[in-house]
């Protein structure tokens, strides 16, 4: 049969392979007896792993031998220390100076040899400033002992001890027993104090964990109330009431940091912003840019804070970009808060404490500072001119506030009253007092 050109081309391109079948029972060098590439790699990996294991085994054996070699001298030294200590006590009992001093010196030197590696490792673990502090303590004690020596304190104590009639104080056994009881009492007090400190730390940690779990459950509950099955905001009146009730309950049961977390969550979720609603079902209207449209004049908030934060302590917290417009913050503690770009328009800050707060970009009013005025109970706000859109800042403490702009300073000086004007950094010279008192 004639061979096709394609078959000749394929045979010319293929390498010379053995013609024996894998099952052929030929002698040495047959195809069946030759290791396959996978067998080559497996054998190479096995040899490599064997070499690695053998090297690790040799290292482990060397470490064990070194440890054993180090343990043997330590054991012998320990026995010598025991014998030297016993010899020292024999010298004390027999009142023999040479026996006692010999045992003491030998025990001291061998003990120092054994504990020196431990002391060296401990010193190496110390930081440079810790070493300096340790050296300072040693120097202080040495200087104190030397000072007491040279000013005659030791001599005075010795003379006083010589004048004491020791027979009147009973036997040494009674004194030793009394000292022992005192030391036991001191030790018991120390142990009780340590247990109190540990228990207090554990209680604080448990309270933090419990509070975080409570906040997480609140986040989930509010999300379930405000969102429908498709993830769209759907807040019917009764759902808003329940959400406000949950918010009021949790804000009274958590600390300042927890309150800040809740406020940041609600603000970033747009649940505190006044949203524009349709005129039929009251549903929020999308703005065409992936969010909901705001309506400062007639909008409805999902959660209205109302008086929830009146008198609250939110000091030293992060409230950047938080929506707090129209919130009642009467006598609230906002000292040292980061209020950068927060919205406090129409908020009631009467007698609130903002000492040390960061007010960079904080909105206190709309419009111009010269035409803006605080909120009114009866007159609607004008967001064009700023009339009745400002926060109530009467008797508010602005001591040492940070990054207060000129417009903010003008508004606070104009509508804060005498007490507020006295706390504003930079003073209020040339700015009229529009409150008149």
Protein backbone atom coordinates (compact mmCIF):
# COMPACT_ATOMS: atom_id res chain seq x y z
CA UNK A 1 0.00 0.00 0.00
CA UNK A 2 1.32 3.46 -0.94
CA UNK A 3 2.30 5.76 1.97
CA UNK A 4 0.60 9.14 1.98
CA UNK A 5 2.67 12.37 2.00
CA UNK A 6 1.09 13.46 5.27
CA UNK A 7 2.13 10.30 6.98
CA UNK A 8 5.70 10.72 5.70
CA UNK A 9 5.77 14.30 6.96
CA UNK A 10 4.45 13.32 10.40
CA UNK A 11 6.93 10.48 10.69
CA UNK A 12 9.75 12.83 9.72
CA UNK A 13 8.75 15.35 12.43
CA UNK A 14 8.28 12.81 15.22
CA UNK A 15 11.22 11.72 17.40
CA UNK A 16 12.52 8.18 17.26
CA UNK A 17 10.49 6.27 19.80
CA UNK A 18 11.02 2.63 20.77
CA UNK A 19 8.90 0.22 18.86
CA UNK A 20 8.44 -2.23 21.67
CA UNK A 21 5.06 -2.28 23.33
CA UNK A 22 4.81 -1.47 27.00
CA UNK A 23 3.86 -5.04 27.73
CA UNK A 24 6.72 -6.67 25.84
CA UNK A 25 8.89 -8.88 28.01
CA UNK A 26 12.28 -7.91 26.66
CA UNK A 27 15.54 -7.74 28.56
CA UNK A 28 17.33 -4.76 30.14
CA UNK A 29 16.62 -1.42 28.53
CA UNK A 30 13.14 -2.29 27.35
CA UNK A 31 10.46 0.38 27.19
CA UNK A 32 8.55 -1.13 30.07
CA UNK A 33 11.60 -1.06 32.33
CA UNK A 34 12.56 2.53 31.55
CA UNK A 35 11.35 5.11 34.06
CA UNK A 36 8.76 7.52 32.75
CA UNK A 37 9.22 11.32 33.08
CA UNK A 38 6.82 11.38 36.01
CA UNK A 39 8.89 8.65 37.64
CA UNK A 40 12.03 10.71 37.05
CA UNK A 41 10.44 13.73 38.78
CA UNK A 42 9.05 11.58 41.57
CA UNK A 43 12.40 9.92 42.17
CA UNK A 44 14.16 13.28 42.03
CA UNK A 45 11.66 14.74 44.51
CA UNK A 46 12.07 11.69 46.74
CA UNK A 47 15.85 12.02 46.67
CA UNK A 48 15.60 15.73 47.40
CA UNK A 49 13.21 15.15 50.29
CA UNK A 50 15.45 12.36 51.60
CA UNK A 51 18.44 14.70 51.51
CA UNK A 52 16.43 17.43 53.25
CA UNK A 53 15.19 15.04 55.91
CA UNK A 54 18.66 13.67 56.46
CA UNK A 55 20.09 17.16 56.85
CA UNK A 56 17.31 18.08 59.29
CA UNK A 57 17.89 14.89 61.19
CA UNK A 58 21.61 15.62 61.43
CA UNK A 59 20.86 19.13 62.70
CA UNK A 60 18.37 17.79 65.25
CA UNK A 61 20.90 15.21 66.43
CA UNK A 62 23.55 17.92 66.73
CA UNK A 63 21.18 20.12 68.74
CA UNK A 64 20.32 17.24 71.04
CA UNK A 65 23.99 16.40 71.50
CA UNK A 66 24.79 20.03 72.31
CA UNK A 67 21.89 20.18 74.74
CA UNK A 68 23.00 16.96 76.36
CA UNK A 69 26.56 18.23 76.54
CA UNK A 70 25.30 21.44 78.16
CA UNK A 71 23.07 19.62 80.62
CA UNK A 72 25.84 17.41 81.98
CA UNK A 73 28.02 20.26 83.31
CA UNK A 74 24.91 21.98 84.70
CA UNK A 75 23.98 18.85 86.63
CA UNK A 76 27.48 18.50 88.03
CA UNK A 77 27.54 22.17 88.92
CA UNK A 78 24.18 21.84 90.65
CA UNK A 79 25.51 19.02 92.81
CA UNK A 80 28.60 21.05 93.65
CA UNK A 81 26.40 24.00 94.63
CA UNK A 82 24.32 21.77 96.90
CA UNK A 83 27.49 20.40 98.52
CA UNK A 84 29.03 23.86 98.87
CA UNK A 85 25.82 25.20 100.47
CA UNK A 86 25.76 22.28 102.88
CA UNK A 87 29.43 22.94 103.70
CA UNK A 88 28.58 26.59 104.38
CA UNK A 89 25.85 25.58 106.85
CA UNK A 90 28.25 23.16 108.52
CA UNK A 91 30.71 26.03 108.96
CA UNK A 92 27.95 28.16 110.46
CA UNK A 93 26.90 25.42 112.87
CA UNK A 94 30.50 24.65 113.89
CA UNK A 95 31.35 28.36 113.95
CA UNK A 96 34.33 27.59 111.69
CA UNK A 97 35.30 30.58 109.55
CA UNK A 98 37.33 28.77 106.87
CA UNK A 99 34.77 26.03 106.24
CA UNK A 100 31.92 28.54 106.04
CA UNK A 101 33.77 31.03 103.81
CA UNK A 102 34.96 28.26 101.46
CA UNK A 103 31.47 26.89 100.97
CA UNK A 104 30.02 30.38 100.51
CA UNK A 105 32.54 31.41 97.83
CA UNK A 106 32.20 28.16 95.86
CA UNK A 107 28.37 28.30 95.98
CA UNK A 108 28.39 31.97 94.99
CA UNK A 109 30.69 31.52 91.99
CA UNK A 110 28.94 28.42 90.64
CA UNK A 111 25.49 29.96 91.12
CA UNK A 112 26.62 33.06 89.27
CA UNK A 113 27.90 30.86 86.43
CA UNK A 114 24.52 29.13 86.11
CA UNK A 115 22.34 32.24 86.29
CA UNK A 116 24.56 34.43 84.12
CA UNK A 117 23.04 33.24 80.77
CA UNK A 118 19.57 33.97 82.13
CA UNK A 119 20.59 37.45 83.25
CA UNK A 120 22.31 38.06 79.92
CA UNK A 121 19.25 37.04 77.88
CA UNK A 122 17.02 39.17 80.11
CA UNK A 123 19.26 42.19 79.63
CA UNK A 124 19.34 41.62 75.86
CA UNK A 125 15.53 41.59 75.76
CA UNK A 126 15.37 45.02 77.38
CA UNK A 127 15.02 48.09 75.22
CA UNK A 128 17.73 50.78 75.45
CA UNK A 129 15.49 53.10 77.48
CA UNK A 130 14.58 50.20 79.81
CA UNK A 131 18.26 49.51 80.39
CA UNK A 132 18.78 53.17 81.18
CA UNK A 133 15.87 53.06 83.64
CA UNK A 134 17.29 49.93 85.31
CA UNK A 135 20.69 51.57 85.61
CA UNK A 136 19.00 54.65 87.04
CA UNK A 137 17.24 52.54 89.70
CA UNK A 138 20.50 50.84 90.69
CA UNK A 139 22.30 54.18 90.81
CA UNK A 140 19.50 55.70 92.86
CA UNK A 141 19.59 52.89 95.44
CA UNK A 142 23.39 52.99 95.65
CA UNK A 143 23.40 56.78 96.04
CA UNK A 144 20.66 56.60 98.68
CA UNK A 145 22.56 53.98 100.68
CA UNK A 146 25.76 56.01 100.46
CA UNK A 147 23.98 59.21 101.43
CA UNK A 148 22.43 57.54 104.48
CA UNK A 149 25.87 56.27 105.44
CA UNK A 150 27.61 59.64 105.22
CA UNK A 151 24.92 61.64 106.99
CA UNK A 152 25.07 59.26 109.95
CA UNK A 153 21.71 57.53 109.65
CA UNK A 154 23.21 54.07 110.15
CA UNK A 155 25.08 55.19 113.27
CA UNK A 156 21.94 56.76 114.69
CA UNK A 157 19.98 53.58 114.06
CA UNK A 158 22.76 51.49 115.67
CA UNK A 159 22.84 53.68 118.76
CA UNK A 160 19.08 53.51 119.02
CA UNK A 161 19.10 49.73 118.75
CA UNK A 162 21.75 49.50 121.45
CA UNK A 163 19.63 51.57 123.84
CA UNK A 164 16.59 49.35 123.39
CA UNK A 165 15.91 46.83 126.15
CA UNK A 166 15.15 43.82 124.02
CA UNK A 167 13.99 41.71 126.96
CA UNK A 168 10.95 43.94 127.28
CA UNK A 169 9.80 43.08 123.79
CA UNK A 170 9.57 39.35 124.28
CA UNK A 171 11.36 36.61 122.46
CA UNK A 172 12.53 36.70 118.86
CA UNK A 173 10.01 33.99 118.01
CA UNK A 174 7.11 36.29 118.85
CA UNK A 175 8.61 39.07 116.75
CA UNK A 176 9.15 36.67 113.84
CA UNK A 177 5.60 35.40 114.09
CA UNK A 178 4.20 38.92 114.13
CA UNK A 179 6.27 39.93 111.10
CA UNK A 180 5.17 36.77 109.30
CA UNK A 181 1.51 37.50 109.95
CA UNK A 182 1.95 41.05 108.73
CA UNK A 183 3.62 39.84 105.54
CA UNK A 184 0.83 37.32 104.96
CA UNK A 185 -1.76 40.08 105.40
CA UNK A 186 0.13 42.33 102.96
CA UNK A 187 0.35 39.47 100.47
CA UNK A 188 -3.38 38.78 100.80
CA UNK A 189 -4.18 42.45 100.20
CA UNK A 190 -1.92 42.48 97.11
CA UNK A 191 -3.55 39.34 95.70
CA UNK A 192 -7.02 40.79 96.29
CA UNK A 193 -5.99 44.02 94.56
CA UNK A 194 -4.61 42.14 91.55
CA UNK A 195 -7.79 40.10 91.29
CA UNK A 196 -9.81 43.32 91.36
CA UNK A 197 -7.70 44.86 88.59
CA UNK A 198 -7.96 41.73 86.43
CA UNK A 199 -11.71 41.47 87.04
CA UNK A 200 -12.14 45.14 86.17
CA UNK A 201 -10.21 44.76 82.91
CA UNK A 202 -12.24 41.67 81.97
CA UNK A 203 -15.48 43.51 82.76
CA UNK A 204 -14.45 46.43 80.55
CA UNK A 205 -13.56 44.09 77.69
CA UNK A 206 -16.84 42.21 78.06
CA UNK A 207 -18.80 45.48 78.09
CA UNK A 208 -17.07 46.60 74.88
CA UNK A 209 -17.88 43.29 73.17
CA UNK A 210 -21.49 43.36 74.39
CA UNK A 211 -21.93 46.96 73.22
CA UNK A 212 -20.55 46.18 69.77
CA UNK A 213 -22.89 43.21 69.46
CA UNK A 214 -25.81 45.45 70.46
CA UNK A 215 -24.83 48.05 67.86
CA UNK A 216 -24.49 45.39 65.14
CA UNK A 217 -27.96 44.04 65.98
CA UNK A 218 -29.33 47.59 65.80
CA UNK A 219 -27.76 48.14 62.37
CA UNK A 220 -29.34 44.95 61.07
CA UNK A 221 -32.73 45.74 62.60
CA UNK A 222 -32.89 49.27 61.17
CA UNK A 223 -31.81 47.99 57.75
CA UNK A 224 -34.58 45.38 57.79
CA UNK A 225 -37.14 48.03 58.70
CA UNK A 226 -36.11 50.63 56.12
CA UNK A 227 -35.39 48.43 53.08
CA UNK A 228 -37.71 46.30 51.02
CA UNK A 229 -36.92 42.93 49.47
CA UNK A 230 -35.26 44.60 46.48
CA UNK A 231 -32.97 46.78 48.60
CA UNK A 232 -34.92 50.00 47.94
CA UNK A 233 -35.73 52.45 50.72
CA UNK A 234 -39.31 51.89 51.81
CA UNK A 235 -40.23 53.53 55.11
CA UNK A 236 -43.88 53.58 55.99
CA UNK A 237 -44.91 55.80 58.93
CA UNK A 238 -45.08 52.95 61.43
CA UNK A 239 -41.69 51.67 60.32
CA UNK A 240 -40.21 55.12 60.89
CA UNK A 241 -41.72 55.16 64.38
CA UNK A 242 -40.15 51.79 65.21
CA UNK A 243 -36.78 52.89 63.80
CA UNK A 244 -36.85 56.07 65.90
CA UNK A 245 -37.81 54.06 68.97
CA UNK A 246 -34.89 51.68 68.49
CA UNK A 247 -32.54 54.59 67.95
CA UNK A 248 -33.70 56.39 71.08
CA UNK A 249 -33.30 53.20 73.13
CA UNK A 250 -29.77 52.40 71.93
CA UNK A 251 -28.45 55.97 72.24
CA UNK A 252 -29.25 55.92 75.96
CA UNK A 253 -27.50 52.59 76.58
CA UNK A 254 -24.08 53.05 74.92
CA UNK A 255 -21.08 55.26 75.56
CA UNK A 256 -19.81 58.22 73.54
CA UNK A 257 -17.88 56.11 71.02
CA UNK A 258 -20.91 53.90 70.49
CA UNK A 259 -23.14 56.95 69.93
CA UNK A 260 -20.68 58.22 67.33
CA UNK A 261 -20.78 54.87 65.50
CA UNK A 262 -24.58 54.93 65.38
CA UNK A 263 -24.66 58.54 64.15
CA UNK A 264 -22.09 57.84 61.43
CA UNK A 265 -24.06 54.80 60.26
CA UNK A 266 -27.36 56.67 60.13
CA UNK A 267 -25.81 59.68 58.42
CA UNK A 268 -23.94 57.73 55.75
CA UNK A 269 -27.09 55.66 55.13
CA UNK A 270 -28.99 58.92 54.46
CA UNK A 271 -31.49 58.00 57.17
CA UNK A 272 -31.00 61.38 58.89
CA UNK A 273 -31.30 63.51 55.75
CA UNK A 274 -34.63 65.13 54.77
CA UNK A 275 -35.64 63.26 51.61
CA UNK A 276 -38.02 64.48 48.95
CA UNK A 277 -41.22 62.41 48.81
CA UNK A 278 -43.94 61.87 46.29
CA UNK A 279 -47.30 63.44 47.10
CA UNK A 280 -49.28 60.17 47.14
CA UNK A 281 -47.53 57.38 49.02
CA UNK A 282 -44.74 59.42 50.62
CA UNK A 283 -42.00 57.32 49.12
CA UNK A 284 -38.52 58.86 48.64
CA UNK A 285 -37.70 60.03 45.13
CA UNK A 286 -34.49 59.09 43.32
CA UNK A 287 -32.35 61.96 42.06
CA UNK A 288 -31.19 60.23 38.87
CA UNK A 289 -27.59 59.94 40.09
CA UNK A 290 -27.82 56.74 42.11
CA UNK A 291 -29.15 58.36 45.28
CA UNK A 292 -32.18 59.95 46.85
CA UNK A 293 -33.04 63.61 46.39
CA UNK A 294 -32.93 65.89 49.40
CA UNK A 295 -35.56 68.48 50.24
CA UNK A 296 -34.46 70.79 53.05
CA UNK A 297 -37.77 72.65 53.23
CA UNK A 298 -40.38 69.89 53.07
CA UNK A 299 -38.41 66.65 53.14
CA UNK A 300 -39.11 63.84 55.61
CA UNK A 301 -36.33 61.99 57.44
CA UNK A 302 -36.43 58.27 57.98
CA UNK A 303 -35.19 58.87 61.54
CA UNK A 304 -35.70 62.22 63.23
CA UNK A 305 -33.25 62.54 66.13
CA UNK A 306 -35.38 65.15 67.88
CA UNK A 307 -34.30 65.34 71.54
CA UNK A 308 -32.40 62.04 71.56
CA UNK A 309 -29.05 63.81 71.94
CA UNK A 310 -30.10 66.50 74.42
CA UNK A 311 -27.59 66.46 77.28
CA UNK A 312 -25.70 63.57 75.69
CA UNK A 313 -21.97 63.06 76.11
CA UNK A 314 -20.37 62.68 72.66
CA UNK A 315 -17.01 64.22 73.57
CA UNK A 316 -13.77 63.18 71.85
CA UNK A 317 -15.51 61.33 69.01
CA UNK A 318 -15.34 61.35 65.23
CA UNK A 319 -18.42 63.07 63.80
CA UNK A 320 -17.04 64.15 60.44
CA UNK A 321 -19.67 64.67 57.72
CA UNK A 322 -22.45 63.66 60.12
CA UNK A 323 -25.94 65.02 59.46
CA UNK A 324 -27.11 66.70 62.68
CA UNK A 325 -29.33 69.41 61.22
CA UNK A 326 -32.35 70.32 63.36
CA UNK A 327 -31.11 68.03 66.16
CA UNK A 328 -31.76 69.12 69.74
CA UNK A 329 -28.29 69.29 71.31
CA UNK A 330 -29.17 71.34 74.37
CA UNK A 331 -26.38 71.02 76.97
CA UNK A 332 -24.72 68.28 74.91
CA UNK A 333 -21.00 67.69 75.46
CA UNK A 334 -19.26 67.94 72.06
CA UNK A 335 -15.89 68.97 73.44
CA UNK A 336 -12.85 67.89 71.42
CA UNK A 337 -15.11 66.37 68.74
CA UNK A 338 -14.06 66.22 65.11
CA UNK A 339 -16.99 68.04 63.48
CA UNK A 340 -15.28 68.71 60.17
CA UNK A 341 -17.93 69.19 57.44
CA UNK A 342 -20.73 68.15 59.79
CA UNK A 343 -24.13 69.77 59.23
CA UNK A 344 -25.37 71.62 62.33
CA UNK A 345 -27.79 73.96 60.56
CA UNK A 346 -30.94 74.65 62.60
CA UNK A 347 -29.49 72.53 65.44
CA UNK A 348 -30.13 73.71 68.99
CA UNK A 349 -26.73 74.17 70.64
CA UNK A 350 -28.02 76.12 73.63
CA UNK A 351 -25.47 75.81 76.48
CA UNK A 352 -23.67 73.05 74.55
CA UNK A 353 -19.96 72.48 75.12
CA UNK A 354 -17.88 72.66 71.92
CA UNK A 355 -14.56 73.46 73.62
CA UNK A 356 -11.64 72.20 71.56
CA UNK A 357 -13.85 70.89 68.73
CA UNK A 358 -12.67 70.93 65.11
CA UNK A 359 -15.11 73.09 63.10
CA UNK A 360 -13.41 73.01 59.70
CA UNK A 361 -16.16 73.29 57.10
CA UNK A 362 -18.89 72.72 59.69
CA UNK A 363 -22.19 74.10 58.41
CA UNK A 364 -23.88 76.27 61.00
CA UNK A 365 -26.19 78.08 58.57
CA UNK A 366 -27.08 78.46 54.89
CA UNK A 367 -26.54 81.55 52.81
CA UNK A 368 -24.37 84.47 53.94
CA UNK A 369 -23.22 84.96 57.53
CA UNK A 370 -24.53 88.53 57.54
CA UNK A 371 -28.05 87.55 56.46
CA UNK A 372 -28.30 84.19 58.24
CA UNK A 373 -30.16 83.91 61.52
CA UNK A 374 -31.03 81.14 64.00
CA UNK A 375 -34.01 78.86 63.55
CA UNK A 376 -37.47 80.01 64.49
CA UNK A 377 -40.43 78.09 65.81
CA UNK A 378 -42.97 79.97 63.73
CA UNK A 379 -41.15 81.21 60.61
CA UNK A 380 -40.11 78.88 57.83
CA UNK A 381 -36.41 78.91 56.87
CA UNK A 382 -35.19 80.64 53.73
CA UNK A 383 -32.32 78.61 52.33
CA UNK A 384 -31.49 81.29 49.76
CA UNK A 385 -30.75 84.14 52.15
CA UNK A 386 -30.05 81.93 55.19
CA UNK A 387 -32.75 83.51 57.32
CA UNK A 388 -33.79 81.14 60.12
CA UNK A 389 -31.48 78.38 58.81
CA UNK A 390 -28.76 78.82 61.44
CA UNK A 391 -28.02 76.92 64.60
CA UNK A 392 -28.97 78.27 68.01
CA UNK A 393 -25.59 79.10 69.59
CA UNK A 394 -26.70 81.10 72.61
CA UNK A 395 -24.52 80.44 75.71
CA UNK A 396 -22.49 77.89 73.76
CA UNK A 397 -18.88 77.30 74.81
CA UNK A 398 -16.49 77.74 71.86
CA UNK A 399 -13.29 77.85 73.91
CA UNK A 400 -10.21 76.79 71.90
CA UNK A 401 -12.21 75.53 68.91
CA UNK A 402 -10.02 74.58 65.98
CA UNK A 403 -10.09 75.94 62.40
CA UNK A 404 -12.98 78.35 62.93
CA UNK A 405 -13.61 80.27 59.70
CA UNK A 406 -14.33 84.00 59.57
CA UNK A 407 -17.97 83.43 58.54
CA UNK A 408 -18.46 80.98 61.38
CA UNK A 409 -16.89 83.43 63.82
CA UNK A 410 -19.10 86.27 62.58
CA UNK A 411 -22.28 84.20 62.93
CA UNK A 412 -21.40 82.90 66.41
CA UNK A 413 -20.45 86.39 67.61
CA UNK A 414 -23.62 87.92 66.16
CA UNK A 415 -26.07 85.35 67.51
CA UNK A 416 -24.31 83.85 70.53
CA UNK A 417 -24.85 86.45 73.20
CA UNK A 418 -22.32 87.80 75.67
CA UNK A 419 -21.40 84.45 77.19
CA UNK A 420 -20.72 82.89 73.81
CA UNK A 421 -18.81 85.93 72.54
CA UNK A 422 -16.41 85.71 75.48
CA UNK A 423 -15.35 82.17 74.49
CA UNK A 424 -14.83 82.61 70.73
CA UNK A 425 -11.15 82.54 69.65
CA UNK A 426 -10.08 85.81 68.05
CA UNK A 427 -12.72 87.82 69.88
CA UNK A 428 -15.77 89.59 68.51
CA UNK A 429 -14.45 93.13 68.12
CA UNK A 430 -16.39 94.98 65.41
CA UNK A 431 -19.12 92.32 65.16
CA UNK A 432 -22.54 93.44 66.40
CA UNK A 433 -24.40 91.50 69.08
CA UNK A 434 -27.73 90.87 67.38
CA UNK A 435 -29.23 89.16 70.40
CA UNK A 436 -28.89 92.38 72.38
CA UNK A 437 -27.90 90.64 75.63
